[in-house]
Structures are given as C-alpha cells and as structure tokens.
N, C-alpha and C. Protein backbone atom coordinates (compact mmCIF):
# COMPACT_ATOMS: atom_id res chain seq x y z
N GLU A 1 76.54 -23.21 150.97
CA GLU A 1 76.80 -22.79 152.34
C GLU A 1 75.63 -21.97 152.87
N ALA A 2 75.70 -21.57 154.11
CA ALA A 2 74.63 -20.83 154.76
C ALA A 2 74.29 -19.55 154.01
N ASP A 3 73.00 -19.26 153.95
CA ASP A 3 72.49 -18.02 153.35
C ASP A 3 72.96 -17.81 151.91
N SER A 4 73.13 -18.90 151.17
CA SER A 4 73.53 -18.79 149.77
C SER A 4 72.72 -19.77 148.94
N SER A 5 72.79 -19.61 147.62
CA SER A 5 72.05 -20.52 146.75
C SER A 5 72.82 -20.78 145.48
N ILE A 6 72.48 -21.91 144.87
CA ILE A 6 73.00 -22.24 143.55
C ILE A 6 71.82 -22.71 142.71
N SER A 7 71.76 -22.23 141.47
CA SER A 7 70.71 -22.64 140.54
C SER A 7 71.37 -23.14 139.27
N LEU A 8 70.94 -24.32 138.84
CA LEU A 8 71.44 -24.90 137.60
C LEU A 8 70.28 -24.98 136.61
N GLN A 9 70.50 -24.47 135.41
CA GLN A 9 69.50 -24.48 134.35
C GLN A 9 70.14 -25.10 133.13
N SER A 10 69.57 -26.20 132.61
CA SER A 10 70.07 -26.87 131.41
C SER A 10 71.56 -27.23 131.54
N VAL A 11 71.89 -27.89 132.63
CA VAL A 11 73.26 -28.29 132.92
C VAL A 11 73.35 -29.81 132.93
N HIS A 12 74.44 -30.35 132.42
CA HIS A 12 74.73 -31.78 132.56
C HIS A 12 75.97 -31.88 133.43
N MET A 13 75.81 -32.41 134.64
CA MET A 13 76.91 -32.51 135.60
C MET A 13 77.14 -33.97 135.95
N THR A 14 78.41 -34.38 135.92
CA THR A 14 78.80 -35.72 136.33
C THR A 14 79.96 -35.60 137.30
N CYS A 15 79.88 -36.32 138.42
CA CYS A 15 80.98 -36.29 139.38
C CYS A 15 81.05 -37.62 140.11
N LYS A 16 82.16 -37.85 140.82
CA LYS A 16 82.35 -39.10 141.55
C LYS A 16 81.85 -39.03 142.98
N GLY A 17 81.65 -37.84 143.53
CA GLY A 17 81.20 -37.68 144.91
C GLY A 17 79.76 -37.22 144.94
N THR A 18 79.47 -36.28 145.82
CA THR A 18 78.15 -35.67 145.90
C THR A 18 78.11 -34.51 144.93
N ALA A 19 77.19 -34.53 143.99
CA ALA A 19 77.12 -33.47 142.97
C ALA A 19 76.70 -32.14 143.59
N LEU A 20 75.60 -32.14 144.35
CA LEU A 20 75.09 -30.92 144.95
C LEU A 20 74.82 -31.17 146.43
N TYR A 21 75.43 -30.36 147.29
CA TYR A 21 75.37 -30.55 148.72
C TYR A 21 74.84 -29.28 149.36
N ALA A 22 73.62 -29.33 149.87
CA ALA A 22 73.01 -28.19 150.55
C ALA A 22 73.49 -28.20 151.99
N LYS A 23 74.30 -27.23 152.35
CA LYS A 23 74.90 -27.19 153.69
C LYS A 23 74.77 -25.78 154.27
N GLY A 24 74.23 -25.70 155.44
CA GLY A 24 74.16 -24.42 156.12
C GLY A 24 72.75 -23.86 156.13
N SER A 25 72.43 -23.16 157.20
CA SER A 25 71.11 -22.58 157.36
C SER A 25 70.75 -21.70 156.17
N ALA A 26 69.57 -21.91 155.64
CA ALA A 26 69.03 -21.15 154.51
C ALA A 26 69.79 -21.37 153.20
N ALA A 27 70.55 -22.45 153.09
CA ALA A 27 71.19 -22.78 151.82
C ALA A 27 70.12 -23.30 150.85
N ALA A 28 70.23 -22.93 149.59
CA ALA A 28 69.24 -23.35 148.59
C ALA A 28 69.94 -23.97 147.39
N VAL A 29 69.37 -25.08 146.90
CA VAL A 29 69.84 -25.74 145.68
C VAL A 29 68.64 -25.83 144.76
N ASN A 30 68.77 -25.30 143.53
CA ASN A 30 67.71 -25.31 142.54
C ASN A 30 68.24 -25.93 141.25
N VAL A 31 67.53 -26.94 140.75
CA VAL A 31 67.95 -27.62 139.53
C VAL A 31 66.76 -27.65 138.58
N TYR A 32 66.96 -27.11 137.38
CA TYR A 32 65.91 -27.03 136.36
C TYR A 32 66.43 -27.59 135.04
N ASP A 33 65.65 -28.45 134.40
CA ASP A 33 65.94 -28.94 133.05
C ASP A 33 67.39 -29.43 132.92
N SER A 34 67.82 -30.24 133.87
CA SER A 34 69.22 -30.65 133.91
C SER A 34 69.36 -32.15 134.12
N VAL A 35 70.58 -32.64 133.94
CA VAL A 35 70.95 -34.02 134.22
C VAL A 35 72.08 -33.97 135.24
N ILE A 36 71.83 -34.54 136.42
CA ILE A 36 72.82 -34.53 137.49
C ILE A 36 73.16 -35.97 137.83
N GLU A 37 74.42 -36.34 137.60
CA GLU A 37 74.89 -37.70 137.86
C GLU A 37 75.97 -37.63 138.94
N GLY A 38 75.59 -38.01 140.16
CA GLY A 38 76.55 -38.01 141.26
C GLY A 38 77.10 -39.39 141.50
N GLY A 39 78.15 -39.46 142.28
CA GLY A 39 78.69 -40.75 142.70
C GLY A 39 77.87 -41.28 143.87
N ALA A 40 78.13 -40.75 145.06
CA ALA A 40 77.39 -41.15 146.25
C ALA A 40 75.97 -40.57 146.23
N TYR A 41 75.83 -39.28 145.91
CA TYR A 41 74.55 -38.59 145.87
C TYR A 41 74.52 -37.64 144.67
N ALA A 42 73.36 -37.48 144.08
CA ALA A 42 73.17 -36.39 143.12
C ALA A 42 72.90 -35.11 143.92
N VAL A 43 72.03 -35.22 144.93
CA VAL A 43 71.73 -34.10 145.84
C VAL A 43 71.67 -34.66 147.26
N GLY A 44 72.38 -34.02 148.18
CA GLY A 44 72.38 -34.51 149.55
C GLY A 44 72.52 -33.42 150.58
N THR A 45 72.25 -33.81 151.83
CA THR A 45 72.41 -32.93 152.98
C THR A 45 73.15 -33.71 154.06
N ASN A 46 73.48 -33.04 155.17
CA ASN A 46 74.20 -33.71 156.25
C ASN A 46 73.64 -33.23 157.59
N ALA A 47 73.15 -34.16 158.40
CA ALA A 47 72.53 -33.83 159.68
C ALA A 47 73.53 -33.77 160.83
N GLU A 48 74.81 -33.79 160.52
CA GLU A 48 75.83 -33.82 161.57
C GLU A 48 75.72 -32.64 162.53
N LYS A 49 75.44 -31.45 162.02
CA LYS A 49 75.36 -30.25 162.85
C LYS A 49 74.06 -29.51 162.58
N SER A 50 73.48 -28.90 163.61
CA SER A 50 72.25 -28.14 163.43
C SER A 50 72.49 -26.91 162.55
N ASP A 51 73.74 -26.50 162.38
CA ASP A 51 74.06 -25.39 161.47
C ASP A 51 73.68 -25.72 160.03
N ASN A 52 73.47 -27.00 159.72
CA ASN A 52 73.14 -27.43 158.35
C ASN A 52 71.64 -27.47 158.09
N TYR A 53 70.84 -27.10 159.08
CA TYR A 53 69.39 -27.20 158.96
C TYR A 53 68.79 -26.08 158.11
N TYR A 54 67.53 -26.27 157.75
CA TYR A 54 66.68 -25.28 157.07
C TYR A 54 67.15 -24.96 155.65
N VAL A 55 67.44 -26.02 154.93
CA VAL A 55 67.80 -25.89 153.52
C VAL A 55 66.54 -25.94 152.67
N ALA A 56 66.65 -25.47 151.44
CA ALA A 56 65.55 -25.53 150.47
C ALA A 56 66.09 -26.13 149.17
N ILE A 57 65.50 -27.24 148.75
CA ILE A 57 65.95 -27.93 147.54
C ILE A 57 64.76 -28.01 146.57
N THR A 58 64.96 -27.51 145.34
CA THR A 58 63.94 -27.57 144.30
C THR A 58 64.53 -28.28 143.09
N LEU A 59 63.84 -29.33 142.64
CA LEU A 59 64.28 -30.11 141.48
C LEU A 59 63.11 -30.17 140.50
N GLN A 60 63.30 -29.64 139.29
CA GLN A 60 62.22 -29.63 138.30
C GLN A 60 62.72 -30.04 136.93
N ASN A 61 61.92 -30.87 136.26
CA ASN A 61 62.17 -31.26 134.87
C ASN A 61 63.60 -31.76 134.67
N SER A 62 64.06 -32.59 135.58
CA SER A 62 65.46 -33.02 135.55
C SER A 62 65.57 -34.52 135.79
N THR A 63 66.75 -35.05 135.47
CA THR A 63 67.09 -36.44 135.75
C THR A 63 68.25 -36.43 136.73
N LEU A 64 68.07 -37.16 137.85
CA LEU A 64 69.08 -37.20 138.90
C LEU A 64 69.40 -38.65 139.21
N SER A 65 70.69 -38.96 139.33
CA SER A 65 71.08 -40.34 139.61
C SER A 65 72.37 -40.37 140.40
N ASN A 66 72.61 -41.53 141.02
CA ASN A 66 73.91 -41.78 141.65
C ASN A 66 74.45 -43.08 141.09
N SER A 67 75.76 -43.25 141.16
CA SER A 67 76.38 -44.42 140.53
C SER A 67 77.06 -45.37 141.50
N ILE A 68 77.38 -44.93 142.69
CA ILE A 68 78.11 -45.76 143.65
C ILE A 68 77.14 -46.70 144.36
N GLU A 69 77.51 -48.00 144.39
CA GLU A 69 76.72 -48.97 145.14
C GLU A 69 76.67 -48.50 146.59
N GLY A 70 75.50 -48.50 147.17
CA GLY A 70 75.37 -48.04 148.55
C GLY A 70 75.06 -46.57 148.66
N GLY A 71 74.84 -45.90 147.54
CA GLY A 71 74.53 -44.47 147.56
C GLY A 71 73.05 -44.23 147.34
N CYS A 72 72.69 -42.96 147.32
CA CYS A 72 71.30 -42.54 147.17
C CYS A 72 71.26 -41.37 146.18
N ALA A 73 70.28 -41.34 145.32
CA ALA A 73 70.20 -40.25 144.34
C ALA A 73 69.89 -38.91 145.01
N VAL A 74 68.83 -38.85 145.83
CA VAL A 74 68.41 -37.59 146.46
C VAL A 74 68.11 -37.86 147.94
N MET A 75 68.76 -37.10 148.82
CA MET A 75 68.51 -37.26 150.25
C MET A 75 68.39 -35.91 150.94
N ILE A 76 67.36 -35.79 151.78
CA ILE A 76 67.25 -34.68 152.72
C ILE A 76 67.11 -35.33 154.10
N ASN A 77 68.05 -35.01 154.99
CA ASN A 77 68.00 -35.57 156.34
C ASN A 77 68.09 -34.48 157.40
N VAL A 78 67.72 -33.26 157.02
CA VAL A 78 67.71 -32.12 157.93
C VAL A 78 66.37 -31.39 157.78
N PRO A 79 65.96 -30.62 158.80
CA PRO A 79 64.77 -29.81 158.61
C PRO A 79 64.96 -28.87 157.42
N GLY A 80 63.97 -28.81 156.58
CA GLY A 80 64.02 -28.00 155.37
C GLY A 80 62.97 -28.49 154.41
N THR A 81 63.10 -28.09 153.14
CA THR A 81 62.12 -28.51 152.14
C THR A 81 62.79 -29.14 150.94
N LEU A 82 62.11 -30.11 150.38
CA LEU A 82 62.51 -30.75 149.13
C LEU A 82 61.28 -30.77 148.25
N ASN A 83 61.36 -30.08 147.11
CA ASN A 83 60.26 -30.05 146.15
C ASN A 83 60.75 -30.63 144.83
N VAL A 84 60.11 -31.72 144.41
CA VAL A 84 60.49 -32.43 143.19
C VAL A 84 59.29 -32.42 142.26
N GLU A 85 59.50 -32.00 141.01
CA GLU A 85 58.41 -31.99 140.05
C GLU A 85 58.93 -32.36 138.67
N ASN A 86 58.25 -33.30 138.02
CA ASN A 86 58.59 -33.74 136.66
C ASN A 86 60.04 -34.19 136.55
N CYS A 87 60.45 -35.05 137.48
CA CYS A 87 61.84 -35.53 137.49
C CYS A 87 61.88 -37.05 137.37
N GLU A 88 63.01 -37.53 136.87
CA GLU A 88 63.35 -38.95 136.91
C GLU A 88 64.50 -39.09 137.88
N ILE A 89 64.33 -39.96 138.88
CA ILE A 89 65.35 -40.16 139.91
C ILE A 89 65.72 -41.63 139.92
N HIS A 90 67.02 -41.90 139.75
CA HIS A 90 67.53 -43.27 139.68
C HIS A 90 68.60 -43.46 140.73
N GLY A 91 68.31 -44.30 141.74
CA GLY A 91 69.27 -44.55 142.81
C GLY A 91 69.75 -45.97 142.84
N THR A 92 70.89 -46.19 143.49
CA THR A 92 71.41 -47.54 143.64
C THR A 92 70.88 -48.17 144.93
N ARG A 93 71.26 -47.66 146.09
CA ARG A 93 70.77 -48.19 147.37
C ARG A 93 69.39 -47.64 147.70
N GLN A 94 69.20 -46.34 147.46
CA GLN A 94 67.90 -45.69 147.61
C GLN A 94 67.72 -44.69 146.47
N GLY A 95 66.47 -44.50 146.07
CA GLY A 95 66.18 -43.45 145.10
C GLY A 95 66.09 -42.11 145.81
N VAL A 96 65.19 -42.02 146.80
CA VAL A 96 64.99 -40.80 147.58
C VAL A 96 64.89 -41.19 149.05
N ILE A 97 65.61 -40.45 149.91
CA ILE A 97 65.45 -40.56 151.35
C ILE A 97 64.96 -39.22 151.86
N VAL A 98 63.85 -39.26 152.60
CA VAL A 98 63.36 -38.07 153.33
C VAL A 98 63.43 -38.48 154.80
N ARG A 99 64.58 -38.25 155.40
CA ARG A 99 64.79 -38.65 156.78
C ARG A 99 64.39 -37.55 157.76
N SER A 100 64.28 -36.35 157.24
CA SER A 100 63.83 -35.20 158.01
C SER A 100 63.36 -34.16 157.00
N GLY A 101 62.56 -33.21 157.45
CA GLY A 101 62.10 -32.14 156.57
C GLY A 101 60.76 -32.45 155.93
N ASP A 102 60.35 -31.55 155.07
CA ASP A 102 59.08 -31.65 154.35
C ASP A 102 59.37 -31.81 152.87
N ALA A 103 58.84 -32.87 152.28
CA ALA A 103 59.07 -33.13 150.86
C ALA A 103 57.75 -33.26 150.11
N GLN A 104 57.76 -32.79 148.88
CA GLN A 104 56.64 -33.02 147.96
C GLN A 104 57.24 -33.50 146.65
N ILE A 105 56.75 -34.66 146.21
CA ILE A 105 57.22 -35.25 144.96
C ILE A 105 56.01 -35.37 144.05
N ARG A 106 56.07 -34.71 142.89
CA ARG A 106 54.91 -34.63 142.01
C ARG A 106 55.31 -34.96 140.57
N ASN A 107 54.44 -35.74 139.90
CA ASN A 107 54.62 -36.05 138.47
C ASN A 107 56.04 -36.51 138.14
N SER A 108 56.55 -37.44 138.92
CA SER A 108 57.92 -37.89 138.76
C SER A 108 57.99 -39.41 138.72
N GLU A 109 59.20 -39.92 138.54
CA GLU A 109 59.45 -41.35 138.59
C GLU A 109 60.68 -41.59 139.45
N ILE A 110 60.54 -42.49 140.43
CA ILE A 110 61.65 -42.84 141.31
C ILE A 110 61.95 -44.31 141.09
N THR A 111 63.22 -44.63 140.83
CA THR A 111 63.63 -46.00 140.60
C THR A 111 64.84 -46.33 141.47
N CYS A 112 64.82 -47.51 142.06
CA CYS A 112 65.96 -47.99 142.84
C CYS A 112 66.38 -49.34 142.28
N SER A 113 67.68 -49.47 142.00
CA SER A 113 68.20 -50.73 141.47
C SER A 113 68.51 -51.73 142.57
N GLY A 114 68.57 -51.28 143.83
CA GLY A 114 68.83 -52.20 144.94
C GLY A 114 70.26 -52.68 145.01
N ASP A 115 71.18 -51.94 144.42
CA ASP A 115 72.58 -52.35 144.42
C ASP A 115 73.24 -52.08 145.77
N ALA A 116 73.10 -53.06 146.65
CA ALA A 116 73.70 -52.98 147.98
C ALA A 116 73.82 -54.41 148.51
N GLU A 117 74.90 -54.72 149.16
CA GLU A 117 75.11 -56.08 149.67
C GLU A 117 74.20 -56.40 150.84
N ASP A 118 73.75 -55.38 151.58
CA ASP A 118 72.95 -55.61 152.77
C ASP A 118 71.48 -55.25 152.54
N ASN A 119 70.93 -55.73 151.45
CA ASN A 119 69.55 -55.39 151.07
C ASN A 119 68.53 -55.58 152.17
N GLY A 120 68.62 -56.65 152.94
CA GLY A 120 67.61 -56.94 153.95
C GLY A 120 67.84 -56.26 155.28
N GLU A 121 68.99 -55.64 155.45
CA GLU A 121 69.32 -54.99 156.71
C GLU A 121 68.44 -53.75 156.94
N TYR A 122 68.17 -53.46 158.17
CA TYR A 122 67.42 -52.27 158.62
C TYR A 122 65.92 -52.35 158.39
N LEU A 123 65.42 -53.46 157.86
CA LEU A 123 63.97 -53.57 157.71
C LEU A 123 63.28 -53.68 159.07
N THR A 124 63.93 -54.35 160.03
CA THR A 124 63.35 -54.49 161.36
C THR A 124 64.27 -53.94 162.46
N ASP A 125 65.52 -53.67 162.15
CA ASP A 125 66.48 -53.15 163.13
C ASP A 125 66.53 -51.64 163.10
N ASN A 126 67.09 -51.05 164.17
CA ASN A 126 67.30 -49.61 164.16
C ASN A 126 68.20 -49.23 163.00
N TRP A 127 67.98 -48.04 162.47
CA TRP A 127 68.74 -47.55 161.34
C TRP A 127 70.05 -46.95 161.82
N GLY A 128 71.01 -46.91 160.92
CA GLY A 128 72.27 -46.25 161.20
C GLY A 128 72.20 -44.81 160.70
N SER A 129 73.34 -44.24 160.38
CA SER A 129 73.36 -42.87 159.86
C SER A 129 73.40 -42.90 158.34
N GLY A 130 73.17 -41.74 157.72
CA GLY A 130 73.26 -41.62 156.26
C GLY A 130 72.34 -42.58 155.54
N THR A 131 72.91 -43.39 154.64
CA THR A 131 72.11 -44.33 153.86
C THR A 131 71.98 -45.69 154.54
N SER A 132 72.36 -45.79 155.80
CA SER A 132 72.21 -47.04 156.55
C SER A 132 70.77 -47.17 157.03
N VAL A 133 69.90 -47.27 156.05
CA VAL A 133 68.46 -47.42 156.23
C VAL A 133 68.02 -48.52 155.25
N PRO A 134 66.77 -48.93 155.26
CA PRO A 134 66.37 -49.97 154.30
C PRO A 134 66.69 -49.58 152.85
N VAL A 135 67.02 -50.58 152.07
CA VAL A 135 67.23 -50.39 150.64
C VAL A 135 65.85 -50.25 150.01
N GLY A 136 65.66 -49.21 149.19
CA GLY A 136 64.36 -49.04 148.56
C GLY A 136 64.27 -47.77 147.74
N ALA A 137 63.19 -47.65 147.02
CA ALA A 137 63.00 -46.52 146.12
C ALA A 137 62.73 -45.23 146.89
N LEU A 138 61.83 -45.27 147.88
CA LEU A 138 61.48 -44.08 148.67
C LEU A 138 61.47 -44.47 150.14
N ILE A 139 62.34 -43.87 150.92
CA ILE A 139 62.45 -44.14 152.35
C ILE A 139 62.10 -42.85 153.10
N VAL A 140 61.14 -42.93 154.02
CA VAL A 140 60.68 -41.74 154.74
C VAL A 140 60.71 -42.01 156.24
N GLY A 141 61.26 -41.06 157.00
CA GLY A 141 61.24 -41.13 158.46
C GLY A 141 62.57 -41.51 159.06
N ASN A 142 62.52 -41.96 160.29
CA ASN A 142 63.71 -42.30 161.04
C ASN A 142 63.38 -43.38 162.06
N ARG A 143 64.16 -44.41 162.09
CA ARG A 143 64.05 -45.42 163.14
C ARG A 143 65.46 -45.66 163.65
N GLN A 144 65.88 -44.77 164.51
CA GLN A 144 67.23 -44.85 165.04
C GLN A 144 67.13 -44.76 166.55
N GLY A 145 68.01 -45.45 167.25
CA GLY A 145 68.02 -45.40 168.70
C GLY A 145 68.18 -43.99 169.24
N ASN A 146 68.95 -43.17 168.55
CA ASN A 146 69.17 -41.79 168.96
C ASN A 146 68.14 -40.91 168.27
N SER A 147 67.06 -40.60 168.95
CA SER A 147 65.97 -39.86 168.32
C SER A 147 66.29 -38.39 168.07
N THR A 148 67.40 -37.88 168.62
CA THR A 148 67.74 -36.47 168.39
C THR A 148 68.53 -36.26 167.10
N ALA A 149 68.96 -37.33 166.47
CA ALA A 149 69.80 -37.20 165.26
C ALA A 149 69.03 -36.62 164.09
N TYR A 150 67.77 -37.00 163.92
CA TYR A 150 66.98 -36.54 162.79
C TYR A 150 65.64 -36.04 163.30
N LYS A 151 65.17 -34.96 162.74
CA LYS A 151 63.89 -34.38 163.15
C LYS A 151 62.76 -35.02 162.34
N SER A 152 61.54 -34.56 162.51
CA SER A 152 60.39 -35.19 161.86
C SER A 152 60.47 -35.08 160.34
N ALA A 153 59.85 -36.05 159.68
CA ALA A 153 59.84 -36.10 158.21
C ALA A 153 58.40 -36.22 157.73
N ASP A 154 58.10 -35.49 156.65
CA ASP A 154 56.78 -35.55 156.04
C ASP A 154 56.98 -35.55 154.53
N CYS A 155 56.36 -36.50 153.85
CA CYS A 155 56.53 -36.61 152.39
C CYS A 155 55.17 -36.83 151.74
N THR A 156 54.85 -35.98 150.78
CA THR A 156 53.63 -36.10 149.99
C THR A 156 54.04 -36.50 148.57
N VAL A 157 53.43 -37.56 148.07
CA VAL A 157 53.73 -38.06 146.72
C VAL A 157 52.45 -37.97 145.89
N ILE A 158 52.56 -37.30 144.73
CA ILE A 158 51.39 -37.07 143.87
C ILE A 158 51.73 -37.49 142.44
N ASP A 159 50.89 -38.32 141.84
CA ASP A 159 51.06 -38.73 140.43
C ASP A 159 52.50 -39.10 140.10
N THR A 160 53.05 -40.01 140.88
CA THR A 160 54.45 -40.42 140.73
C THR A 160 54.54 -41.93 140.65
N THR A 161 55.43 -42.43 139.80
CA THR A 161 55.67 -43.86 139.67
C THR A 161 56.88 -44.23 140.50
N ILE A 162 56.75 -45.31 141.27
CA ILE A 162 57.84 -45.76 142.14
C ILE A 162 58.19 -47.19 141.74
N ASN A 163 59.48 -47.42 141.42
CA ASN A 163 59.96 -48.73 140.94
C ASN A 163 61.10 -49.23 141.79
N TYR A 164 61.11 -50.53 142.02
CA TYR A 164 62.24 -51.19 142.68
C TYR A 164 62.62 -52.39 141.83
N SER A 165 63.86 -52.45 141.39
CA SER A 165 64.27 -53.53 140.50
C SER A 165 65.41 -54.34 141.09
N GLY A 166 65.49 -54.40 142.41
CA GLY A 166 66.60 -55.06 143.09
C GLY A 166 66.67 -56.55 142.84
N ASP A 167 67.87 -57.07 142.96
CA ASP A 167 68.16 -58.49 142.82
C ASP A 167 67.79 -59.19 144.12
N SER A 168 66.78 -60.04 144.10
CA SER A 168 66.31 -60.69 145.32
C SER A 168 67.37 -61.62 145.91
N SER A 169 68.40 -62.01 145.16
CA SER A 169 69.44 -62.87 145.70
C SER A 169 70.31 -62.13 146.72
N LYS A 170 70.28 -60.80 146.71
CA LYS A 170 71.05 -59.99 147.66
C LYS A 170 70.25 -59.66 148.90
N GLY A 171 69.00 -60.01 148.95
CA GLY A 171 68.16 -59.67 150.09
C GLY A 171 66.87 -59.05 149.61
N HIS A 172 66.21 -58.35 150.50
CA HIS A 172 64.91 -57.79 150.16
C HIS A 172 64.92 -56.28 150.34
N GLY A 173 64.67 -55.57 149.28
CA GLY A 173 64.49 -54.14 149.34
C GLY A 173 63.01 -53.85 149.26
N VAL A 174 62.66 -52.58 149.25
CA VAL A 174 61.26 -52.20 149.27
C VAL A 174 61.00 -51.09 148.27
N TYR A 175 59.75 -50.98 147.86
CA TYR A 175 59.34 -49.86 147.02
C TYR A 175 59.31 -48.58 147.85
N VAL A 176 58.51 -48.63 148.93
CA VAL A 176 58.36 -47.48 149.83
C VAL A 176 58.44 -47.98 151.26
N TYR A 177 59.18 -47.26 152.09
CA TYR A 177 59.28 -47.61 153.50
C TYR A 177 59.16 -46.33 154.31
N GLY A 178 58.24 -46.30 155.23
CA GLY A 178 58.09 -45.11 156.06
C GLY A 178 57.36 -45.43 157.33
C-alpha cells in the first residue's frame, strides 16, 4: 500500500493470483535471493488510479514466474521504477511488461513460453488494458487509443538473454516489442 514496503529475502512463495502487488504512492517491493511463483503475475502493478503511481520495485538474484495462461511474470504499468539484476524471469503470455515507468534489467534472463490463444493479436492493433498487448518476452511502451491510461516507459537492458519459445501454431509472438 501507499508509503509502505515489503522485502523478501530467501523466500519461496507460490500463489494462484498475483504474488506481489505494488499499490499506492511510494509503495516498495524488494525481492532478494528468492523464488516467486505467481498465478497471473509474480510482481504486478495497476494503472487504474493515479493513487497507485510512483512505486519502486527491486528484484535481485531471484527467479520469478507466472503459471496462468495469459499472465505475465513481471509488470510495471505505472510511473515508478523497476530494477532487475541477476534474475531469471519466466512468463506465459509475457515475461516482462514495462508499460510505464523506468526499468533497468541487468545480467538476467527473460523467457516467454507464448502460452496464449491470441498470440498474433495486438501486433498491429491498438493495445487493450493489462496484458492485452503483444505476446512476447519483453514488451515496452503503450499503443492504446486512450493515451492517458499509461505514462511514458523507458527500459534499459544490459547483458541479458531474451528468449521466446512460443508455439507458432497459435500465432506469432515476439522476443522484444517496443
């Protein structure tokens, strides 16, 4: 919640929903040396209200994944920061979405299995909300008719491996889209 933080050190967390949800101005989520297995998201944010803006997310030396088809392992869609270092990120529909905010991903591996029925959707059309964006390992930016929904996005990737292993029979996903 706003003006609060949670830090996980050497934790193994498994859940069916969103494992860690940064919500509220100045909310912070810190994950170190842990395994986070979420259903829809391992780590996520929500751009529904401006009260949810200005979060800070730090992920280091950890493995983060989601299990639900159509979900994303790590998403930031509000103004704030996402810092990822020495992590393995495994997503179904997307590995990482940086729809808003400033992200730096360093010395990590991002993998997307492409598990979504609408793999080819949103490659040329306006995006929807949440994970209604192209299927892929790393998705950056916003292409939505309503330009006020998401603010600017900036993502720097350093010494990171990006993999897409989607089934081409379901459509076409991407390694990186921005």
